[in-house]
Amino acid sequence: MLFEIKMPEVGPGVTEATIVNWRKQVGDPIQEKEILVEVMTEKVNMEVECPVSGVVAEILFPKEVAVRVNEVIAKVKMNHAPA
């Protein structure tokens, strides 16, 4: 089962964030709460944790691209279905 990772809301009035660095690549294993990607806005830099454990199946945007909040940025093939 694929789990969609979305660009998180990063603050009031902020509609997009720029991907700075992918910490994991397609095919890499990832654990729940492990950092998947670093993003930034004009006001804040933040790390986005993966909410599930599995393997990175797809990365939908390259580095240095601005992505709208709530847009799917990656997909993770889960080790098991979430509870």
PDB file of N, CA and C in Angstrom:
ATOM      1  N   MET A   1       0.846  -1.184   0.000  1.00  0.00           N
ATOM      2  CA  MET A   1       0.000   0.000   0.000  1.00  0.00           C
ATOM      3  C   MET A   1       0.888   1.243   0.000  1.00  0.00           C
ATOM      4  N   LEU A   2       0.570   2.212  -0.853  1.00  0.00           N
ATOM      5  CA  LEU A   2       1.337   3.452  -0.919  1.00  0.00           C
ATOM      6  C   LEU A   2       0.698   4.518  -0.033  1.00  0.00           C
ATOM      7  N   PHE A   3       1.548   5.191   0.728  1.00  0.00           N
ATOM      8  CA  PHE A   3       1.116   6.282   1.596  1.00  0.00           C
ATOM      9  C   PHE A   3       1.619   7.577   0.993  1.00  0.00           C
ATOM     10  N   GLU A   4       0.741   8.557   0.815  1.00  0.00           N
ATOM     11  CA  GLU A   4       1.119   9.826   0.210  1.00  0.00           C
ATOM     12  C   GLU A   4       1.614  10.798   1.283  1.00  0.00           C
ATOM     13  N   ILE A   5       2.800  11.363   1.037  1.00  0.00           N
ATOM     14  CA  ILE A   5       3.360  12.382   1.918  1.00  0.00           C
ATOM     15  C   ILE A   5       3.051  13.737   1.283  1.00  0.00           C
ATOM     16  N   LYS A   6       2.414  14.626   2.047  1.00  0.00           N
ATOM     17  CA  LYS A   6       2.026  15.932   1.513  1.00  0.00           C
ATOM     18  C   LYS A   6       2.884  17.038   2.114  1.00  0.00           C
ATOM     19  N   MET A   7       3.021  18.123   1.347  1.00  0.00           N
ATOM     20  CA  MET A   7       3.705  19.308   1.864  1.00  0.00           C
ATOM     21  C   MET A   7       2.896  19.810   3.047  1.00  0.00           C
ATOM     22  N   PRO A   8       3.527  19.893   4.215  1.00  0.00           N
ATOM     23  CA  PRO A   8       2.767  20.318   5.402  1.00  0.00           C
ATOM     24  C   PRO A   8       2.464  21.809   5.385  1.00  0.00           C
ATOM     25  N   GLU A   9       1.479  22.186   6.189  1.00  0.00           N
ATOM     26  CA  GLU A   9       1.212  23.603   6.400  1.00  0.00           C
ATOM     27  C   GLU A   9       2.328  24.133   7.283  1.00  0.00           C
ATOM     28  N   VAL A  10       2.946  25.219   6.854  1.00  0.00           N
ATOM     29  CA  VAL A  10       4.128  25.702   7.561  1.00  0.00           C
ATOM     30  C   VAL A  10       3.891  27.014   8.308  1.00  0.00           C
ATOM     31  N   GLY A  11       2.701  27.566   8.181  1.00  0.00           N
ATOM     32  CA  GLY A  11       2.392  28.781   8.916  1.00  0.00           C
ATOM     33  C   GLY A  11       1.188  29.474   8.323  1.00  0.00           C
ATOM     34  N   PRO A  12       0.568  30.359   9.101  1.00  0.00           N
ATOM     35  CA  PRO A  12      -0.609  31.061   8.612  1.00  0.00           C
ATOM     36  C   PRO A  12      -0.282  31.913   7.386  1.00  0.00           C
ATOM     37  N   GLY A  13      -1.094  31.805   6.363  1.00  0.00           N
ATOM     38  CA  GLY A  13      -0.910  32.607   5.166  1.00  0.00           C
ATOM     39  C   GLY A  13       0.154  32.094   4.205  1.00  0.00           C
ATOM     40  N   VAL A  14       0.865  31.047   4.592  1.00  0.00           N
ATOM     41  CA  VAL A  14       1.909  30.497   3.723  1.00  0.00           C
ATOM     42  C   VAL A  14       1.271  29.447   2.814  1.00  0.00           C
ATOM     43  N   THR A  15       1.417  29.632   1.499  1.00  0.00           N
ATOM     44  CA  THR A  15       0.746  28.745   0.556  1.00  0.00           C
ATOM     45  C   THR A  15       1.679  27.749  -0.118  1.00  0.00           C
ATOM     46  N   GLU A  16       3.006  27.960   0.030  1.00  0.00           N
ATOM     47  CA  GLU A  16       3.950  27.030  -0.581  1.00  0.00           C
ATOM     48  C   GLU A  16       5.273  27.055   0.166  1.00  0.00           C
ATOM     49  N   ALA A  17       6.061  26.010  -0.065  1.00  0.00           N
ATOM     50  CA  ALA A  17       7.402  25.910   0.503  1.00  0.00           C
ATOM     51  C   ALA A  17       8.312  25.312  -0.564  1.00  0.00           C
ATOM     52  N   THR A  18       9.590  25.595  -0.453  1.00  0.00           N
ATOM     53  CA  THR A  18      10.566  25.109  -1.419  1.00  0.00           C
ATOM     54  C   THR A  18      11.303  23.909  -0.846  1.00  0.00           C
ATOM     55  N   ILE A  19      11.435  22.869  -1.653  1.00  0.00           N
ATOM     56  CA  ILE A  19      12.181  21.678  -1.241  1.00  0.00           C
ATOM     57  C   ILE A  19      13.666  22.022  -1.278  1.00  0.00           C
ATOM     58  N   VAL A  20      14.340  21.833  -0.152  1.00  0.00           N
ATOM     59  CA  VAL A  20      15.758  22.161  -0.032  1.00  0.00           C
ATOM     60  C   VAL A  20      16.619  20.916  -0.239  1.00  0.00           C
ATOM     61  N   ASN A  21      16.238  19.821   0.415  1.00  0.00           N
ATOM     62  CA  ASN A  21      17.064  18.618   0.356  1.00  0.00           C
ATOM     63  C   ASN A  21      16.241  17.381   0.693  1.00  0.00           C
ATOM     64  N   TRP A  22      16.320  16.393  -0.176  1.00  0.00           N
ATOM     65  CA  TRP A  22      15.717  15.091   0.128  1.00  0.00           C
ATOM     66  C   TRP A  22      16.732  14.299   0.945  1.00  0.00           C
ATOM     67  N   ARG A  23      16.353  13.868   2.147  1.00  0.00           N
ATOM     68  CA  ARG A  23      17.241  13.066   2.987  1.00  0.00           C
ATOM     69  C   ARG A  23      17.237  11.603   2.565  1.00  0.00           C
ATOM     70  N   LYS A  24      16.168  11.193   1.883  1.00  0.00           N
ATOM     71  CA  LYS A  24      16.033   9.818   1.390  1.00  0.00           C
ATOM     72  C   LYS A  24      15.773   9.867  -0.108  1.00  0.00           C
ATOM     73  N   GLN A  25      16.131   8.788  -0.788  1.00  0.00           N
ATOM     74  CA  GLN A  25      15.921   8.672  -2.227  1.00  0.00           C
ATOM     75  C   GLN A  25      15.010   7.474  -2.500  1.00  0.00           C
ATOM     76  N   VAL A  26      14.509   7.376  -3.727  1.00  0.00           N
ATOM     77  CA  VAL A  26      13.655   6.248  -4.106  1.00  0.00           C
ATOM     78  C   VAL A  26      14.415   4.943  -3.843  1.00  0.00           C
ATOM     79  N   GLY A  27      13.732   4.008  -3.190  1.00  0.00           N
ATOM     80  CA  GLY A  27      14.327   2.711  -2.856  1.00  0.00           C
ATOM     81  C   GLY A  27      14.912   2.643  -1.463  1.00  0.00           C
ATOM     82  N   ASP A  28      15.093   3.800  -0.818  1.00  0.00           N
ATOM     83  CA  ASP A  28      15.653   3.824   0.538  1.00  0.00           C
ATOM     84  C   ASP A  28      14.593   3.426   1.564  1.00  0.00           C
ATOM     85  N   PRO A  29      14.981   2.613   2.554  1.00  0.00           N
ATOM     86  CA  PRO A  29      14.063   2.353   3.662  1.00  0.00           C
ATOM     87  C   PRO A  29      13.942   3.599   4.539  1.00  0.00           C
ATOM     88  N   ILE A  30      12.780   3.767   5.154  1.00  0.00           N
ATOM     89  CA  ILE A  30      12.558   4.913   6.050  1.00  0.00           C
ATOM     90  C   ILE A  30      11.697   4.454   7.210  1.00  0.00           C
ATOM     91  N   GLN A  31      12.010   4.969   8.386  1.00  0.00           N
ATOM     92  CA  GLN A  31      11.261   4.633   9.592  1.00  0.00           C
ATOM     93  C   GLN A  31      10.295   5.767   9.940  1.00  0.00           C
ATOM     94  N   GLU A  32       9.220   5.413  10.619  1.00  0.00           N
ATOM     95  CA  GLU A  32       8.285   6.416  11.110  1.00  0.00           C
ATOM     96  C   GLU A  32       9.040   7.461  11.929  1.00  0.00           C
ATOM     97  N   LYS A  33       8.749   8.724  11.705  1.00  0.00           N
ATOM     98  CA  LYS A  33       9.342   9.886  12.377  1.00  0.00           C
ATOM     99  C   LYS A  33      10.766  10.195  11.915  1.00  0.00           C
ATOM    100  N   GLU A  34      11.282   9.463  10.923  1.00  0.00           N
ATOM    101  CA  GLU A  34      12.580   9.789  10.358  1.00  0.00           C
ATOM    102  C   GLU A  34      12.403  10.958   9.376  1.00  0.00           C
ATOM    103  N   ILE A  35      13.408  11.826   9.277  1.00  0.00           N
ATOM    104  CA  ILE A  35      13.321  12.992   8.397  1.00  0.00           C
ATOM    105  C   ILE A  35      13.389  12.522   6.941  1.00  0.00           C
ATOM    106  N   LEU A  36      12.400  12.946   6.150  1.00  0.00           N
ATOM    107  CA  LEU A  36      12.350  12.611   4.728  1.00  0.00           C
ATOM    108  C   LEU A  36      12.901  13.745   3.872  1.00  0.00           C
ATOM    109  N   VAL A  37      12.522  14.973   4.209  1.00  0.00           N
ATOM    110  CA  VAL A  37      12.861  16.109   3.351  1.00  0.00           C
ATOM    111  C   VAL A  37      12.978  17.387   4.185  1.00  0.00           C
ATOM    112  N   GLU A  38      13.823  18.303   3.722  1.00  0.00           N
ATOM    113  CA  GLU A  38      13.939  19.623   4.325  1.00  0.00           C
ATOM    114  C   GLU A  38      13.280  20.622   3.381  1.00  0.00           C
ATOM    115  N   VAL A  39      12.460  21.511   3.951  1.00  0.00           N
ATOM    116  CA  VAL A  39      11.780  22.530   3.148  1.00  0.00           C
ATOM    117  C   VAL A  39      11.995  23.901   3.785  1.00  0.00           C
ATOM    118  N   MET A  40      11.791  24.960   2.983  1.00  0.00           N
ATOM    119  CA  MET A  40      11.927  26.309   3.519  1.00  0.00           C
ATOM    120  C   MET A  40      10.897  27.241   2.903  1.00  0.00           C
ATOM    121  N   THR A  41      10.570  28.271   3.681  1.00  0.00           N
ATOM    122  CA  THR A  41       9.751  29.379   3.201  1.00  0.00           C
ATOM    123  C   THR A  41      10.573  30.647   3.413  1.00  0.00           C
ATOM    124  N   GLU A  42       9.968  31.791   3.154  1.00  0.00           N
ATOM    125  CA  GLU A  42      10.675  33.049   3.397  1.00  0.00           C
ATOM    126  C   GLU A  42      10.993  33.230   4.872  1.00  0.00           C
ATOM    127  N   LYS A  43      10.209  32.601   5.745  1.00  0.00           N
ATOM    128  CA  LYS A  43      10.354  32.835   7.181  1.00  0.00           C
ATOM    129  C   LYS A  43      10.932  31.669   7.968  1.00  0.00           C
ATOM    130  N   VAL A  44      10.817  30.443   7.461  1.00  0.00           N
ATOM    131  CA  VAL A  44      11.194  29.292   8.291  1.00  0.00           C
ATOM    132  C   VAL A  44      11.768  28.165   7.442  1.00  0.00           C
ATOM    133  N   ASN A  45      12.734  27.456   8.026  1.00  0.00           N
ATOM    134  CA  ASN A  45      13.212  26.197   7.461  1.00  0.00           C
ATOM    135  C   ASN A  45      12.694  25.102   8.377  1.00  0.00           C
ATOM    136  N   MET A  46      12.280  23.974   7.798  1.00  0.00           N
ATOM    137  CA  MET A  46      11.792  22.889   8.643  1.00  0.00           C
ATOM    138  C   MET A  46      12.093  21.539   8.026  1.00  0.00           C
ATOM    139  N   GLU A  47      12.114  20.527   8.871  1.00  0.00           N
ATOM    140  CA  GLU A  47      12.312  19.154   8.436  1.00  0.00           C
ATOM    141  C   GLU A  47      10.960  18.452   8.483  1.00  0.00           C
ATOM    142  N   VAL A  48      10.666  17.671   7.439  1.00  0.00           N
ATOM    143  CA  VAL A  48       9.392  16.956   7.363  1.00  0.00           C
ATOM    144  C   VAL A  48       9.653  15.492   7.693  1.00  0.00           C
ATOM    145  N   GLU A  49       8.981  15.009   8.740  1.00  0.00           N
ATOM    146  CA  GLU A  49       9.114  13.610   9.154  1.00  0.00           C
ATOM    147  C   GLU A  49       8.173  12.734   8.343  1.00  0.00           C
ATOM    148  N   CYS A  50       8.564  11.485   8.177  1.00  0.00           N
ATOM    149  CA  CYS A  50       7.700  10.498   7.531  1.00  0.00           C
ATOM    150  C   CYS A  50       6.755   9.926   8.591  1.00  0.00           C
ATOM    151  N   PRO A  51       5.456   9.937   8.350  1.00  0.00           N
ATOM    152  CA  PRO A  51       4.510   9.441   9.355  1.00  0.00           C
ATOM    153  C   PRO A  51       4.371   7.916   9.385  1.00  0.00           C
ATOM    154  N   VAL A  52       5.002   7.203   8.436  1.00  0.00           N
ATOM    155  CA  VAL A  52       4.906   5.741   8.383  1.00  0.00           C
ATOM    156  C   VAL A  52       6.288   5.145   8.110  1.00  0.00           C
ATOM    157  N   SER A  53       6.443   3.855   8.395  1.00  0.00           N
ATOM    158  CA  SER A  53       7.663   3.127   8.048  1.00  0.00           C
ATOM    159  C   SER A  53       7.453   2.401   6.729  1.00  0.00           C
ATOM    160  N   GLY A  54       8.527   2.307   5.937  1.00  0.00           N
ATOM    161  CA  GLY A  54       8.422   1.608   4.664  1.00  0.00           C
ATOM    162  C   GLY A  54       9.630   1.880   3.791  1.00  0.00           C
ATOM    163  N   VAL A  55       9.370   1.961   2.486  1.00  0.00           N
ATOM    164  CA  VAL A  55      10.412   2.232   1.498  1.00  0.00           C
ATOM    165  C   VAL A  55       9.920   3.385   0.621  1.00  0.00           C
ATOM    166  N   VAL A  56      10.816   4.347   0.371  1.00  0.00           N
ATOM    167  CA  VAL A  56      10.451   5.477  -0.488  1.00  0.00           C
ATOM    168  C   VAL A  56      10.186   4.927  -1.892  1.00  0.00           C
ATOM    169  N   ALA A  57       8.949   5.091  -2.358  1.00  0.00           N
ATOM    170  CA  ALA A  57       8.544   4.541  -3.654  1.00  0.00           C
ATOM    171  C   ALA A  57       8.623   5.567  -4.773  1.00  0.00           C
ATOM    172  N   GLU A  58       8.371   6.831  -4.436  1.00  0.00           N
ATOM    173  CA  GLU A  58       8.327   7.859  -5.480  1.00  0.00           C
ATOM    174  C   GLU A  58       8.589   9.223  -4.854  1.00  0.00           C
ATOM    175  N   ILE A  59       9.382  10.033  -5.540  1.00  0.00           N
ATOM    176  CA  ILE A  59       9.598  11.434  -5.179  1.00  0.00           C
ATOM    177  C   ILE A  59       9.057  12.249  -6.347  1.00  0.00           C
ATOM    178  N   LEU A  60       8.093  13.123  -6.061  1.00  0.00           N
ATOM    179  CA  LEU A  60       7.366  13.803  -7.127  1.00  0.00           C
ATOM    180  C   LEU A  60       7.928  15.171  -7.519  1.00  0.00           C
ATOM    181  N   PHE A  61       8.821  15.731  -6.713  1.00  0.00           N
ATOM    182  CA  PHE A  61       9.406  17.039  -7.018  1.00  0.00           C
ATOM    183  C   PHE A  61      10.899  17.019  -6.724  1.00  0.00           C
ATOM    184  N   PRO A  62      11.702  17.643  -7.596  1.00  0.00           N
ATOM    185  CA  PRO A  62      13.143  17.735  -7.330  1.00  0.00           C
ATOM    186  C   PRO A  62      13.448  18.849  -6.329  1.00  0.00           C
ATOM    187  N   LYS A  63      14.706  18.921  -5.911  1.00  0.00           N
ATOM    188  CA  LYS A  63      15.148  20.008  -5.036  1.00  0.00           C
ATOM    189  C   LYS A  63      14.966  21.348  -5.742  1.00  0.00           C
ATOM    190  N   GLU A  64      14.830  22.386  -4.910  1.00  0.00           N
ATOM    191  CA  GLU A  64      14.753  23.773  -5.354  1.00  0.00           C
ATOM    192  C   GLU A  64      13.464  24.112  -6.109  1.00  0.00           C
ATOM    193  N   VAL A  65      12.436  23.286  -5.906  1.00  0.00           N
ATOM    194  CA  VAL A  65      11.128  23.550  -6.517  1.00  0.00           C
ATOM    195  C   VAL A  65      10.152  23.960  -5.418  1.00  0.00           C
ATOM    196  N   ALA A  66       9.367  25.008  -5.686  1.00  0.00           N
ATOM    197  CA  ALA A  66       8.332  25.442  -4.753  1.00  0.00           C
ATOM    198  C   ALA A  66       7.088  24.584  -4.959  1.00  0.00           C
ATOM    199  N   VAL A  67       6.543  24.098  -3.851  1.00  0.00           N
ATOM    200  CA  VAL A  67       5.388  23.197  -3.891  1.00  0.00           C
ATOM    201  C   VAL A  67       4.297  23.767  -2.989  1.00  0.00           C
ATOM    202  N   ARG A  68       3.068  23.720  -3.477  1.00  0.00           N
ATOM    203  CA  ARG A  68       1.935  24.217  -2.703  1.00  0.00           C
ATOM    204  C   ARG A  68       1.668  23.331  -1.483  1.00  0.00           C
ATOM    205  N   VAL A  69       1.216  23.955  -0.412  1.00  0.00           N
ATOM    206  CA  VAL A  69       0.814  23.243   0.801  1.00  0.00           C
ATOM    207  C   VAL A  69      -0.252  22.209   0.448  1.00  0.00           C
ATOM    208  N   ASN A  70      -0.163  21.036   1.044  1.00  0.00           N
ATOM    209  CA  ASN A  70      -1.077  19.900   0.868  1.00  0.00           C
ATOM    210  C   ASN A  70      -0.911  19.162  -0.460  1.00  0.00           C
ATOM    211  N   GLU A  71       0.057  19.569  -1.284  1.00  0.00           N
ATOM    212  CA  GLU A  71       0.368  18.843  -2.528  1.00  0.00           C
ATOM    213  C   GLU A  71       1.168  17.585  -2.155  1.00  0.00           C
ATOM    214  N   VAL A  72       0.885  16.466  -2.814  1.00  0.00           N
ATOM    215  CA  VAL A  72       1.644  15.235  -2.570  1.00  0.00           C
ATOM    216  C   VAL A  72       3.059  15.424  -3.103  1.00  0.00           C
ATOM    217  N   ILE A  73       4.065  15.192  -2.237  1.00  0.00           N
ATOM    218  CA  ILE A  73       5.458  15.374  -2.640  1.00  0.00           C
ATOM    219  C   ILE A  73       6.213  14.057  -2.781  1.00  0.00           C
ATOM    220  N   ALA A  74       5.709  13.004  -2.119  1.00  0.00           N
ATOM    221  CA  ALA A  74       6.380  11.702  -2.186  1.00  0.00           C
ATOM    222  C   ALA A  74       5.387  10.607  -1.809  1.00  0.00           C
ATOM    223  N   LYS A  75       5.759   9.371  -2.159  1.00  0.00           N
ATOM    224  CA  LYS A  75       4.949   8.210  -1.775  1.00  0.00           C
ATOM    225  C   LYS A  75       5.855   7.164  -1.150  1.00  0.00           C
ATOM    226  N   VAL A  76       5.351   6.540  -0.084  1.00  0.00           N
ATOM    227  CA  VAL A  76       6.101   5.531   0.655  1.00  0.00           C
ATOM    228  C   VAL A  76       5.314   4.222   0.615  1.00  0.00           C
ATOM    229  N   LYS A  77       5.985   3.148   0.209  1.00  0.00           N
ATOM    230  CA  LYS A  77       5.370   1.819   0.274  1.00  0.00           C
ATOM    231  C   LYS A  77       5.486   1.350   1.710  1.00  0.00           C
ATOM    232  N   MET A  78       4.352   1.248   2.373  1.00  0.00           N
ATOM    233  CA  MET A  78       4.340   0.941   3.798  1.00  0.00           C
ATOM    234  C   MET A  78       4.667  -0.522   4.075  1.00  0.00           C
ATOM    235  N   ASN A  79       5.347  -0.726   5.220  1.00  0.00           N
ATOM    236  CA  ASN A  79       5.634  -2.078   5.675  1.00  0.00           C
ATOM    237  C   ASN A  79       4.365  -2.770   6.161  1.00  0.00           C
ATOM    238  N   HIS A  80       3.453  -2.004   6.704  1.00  0.00           N
ATOM    239  CA  HIS A  80       2.170  -2.528   7.176  1.00  0.00           C
ATOM    240  C   HIS A  80       1.170  -1.386   7.169  1.00  0.00           C
ATOM    241  N   ALA A  81      -0.099  -1.720   7.139  1.00  0.00           N
ATOM    242  CA  ALA A  81      -1.155  -0.701   7.106  1.00  0.00           C
ATOM    243  C   ALA A  81      -1.186   0.049   8.438  1.00  0.00           C
ATOM    244  N   PRO A  82      -1.441   1.369   8.410  1.00  0.00           N
ATOM    245  CA  PRO A  82      -1.515   2.121   9.667  1.00  0.00           C
ATOM    246  C   PRO A  82      -2.711   1.663  10.501  1.00  0.00           C
ATOM    247  N   ALA A  83      -2.556   1.776  11.805  1.00  0.00           N
ATOM    248  CA  ALA A  83      -3.616   1.335  12.728  1.00  0.00           C
ATOM    249  C   ALA A  83      -4.775   2.301  12.723  1.00  0.00           C
TER     250      ALA A  83
END
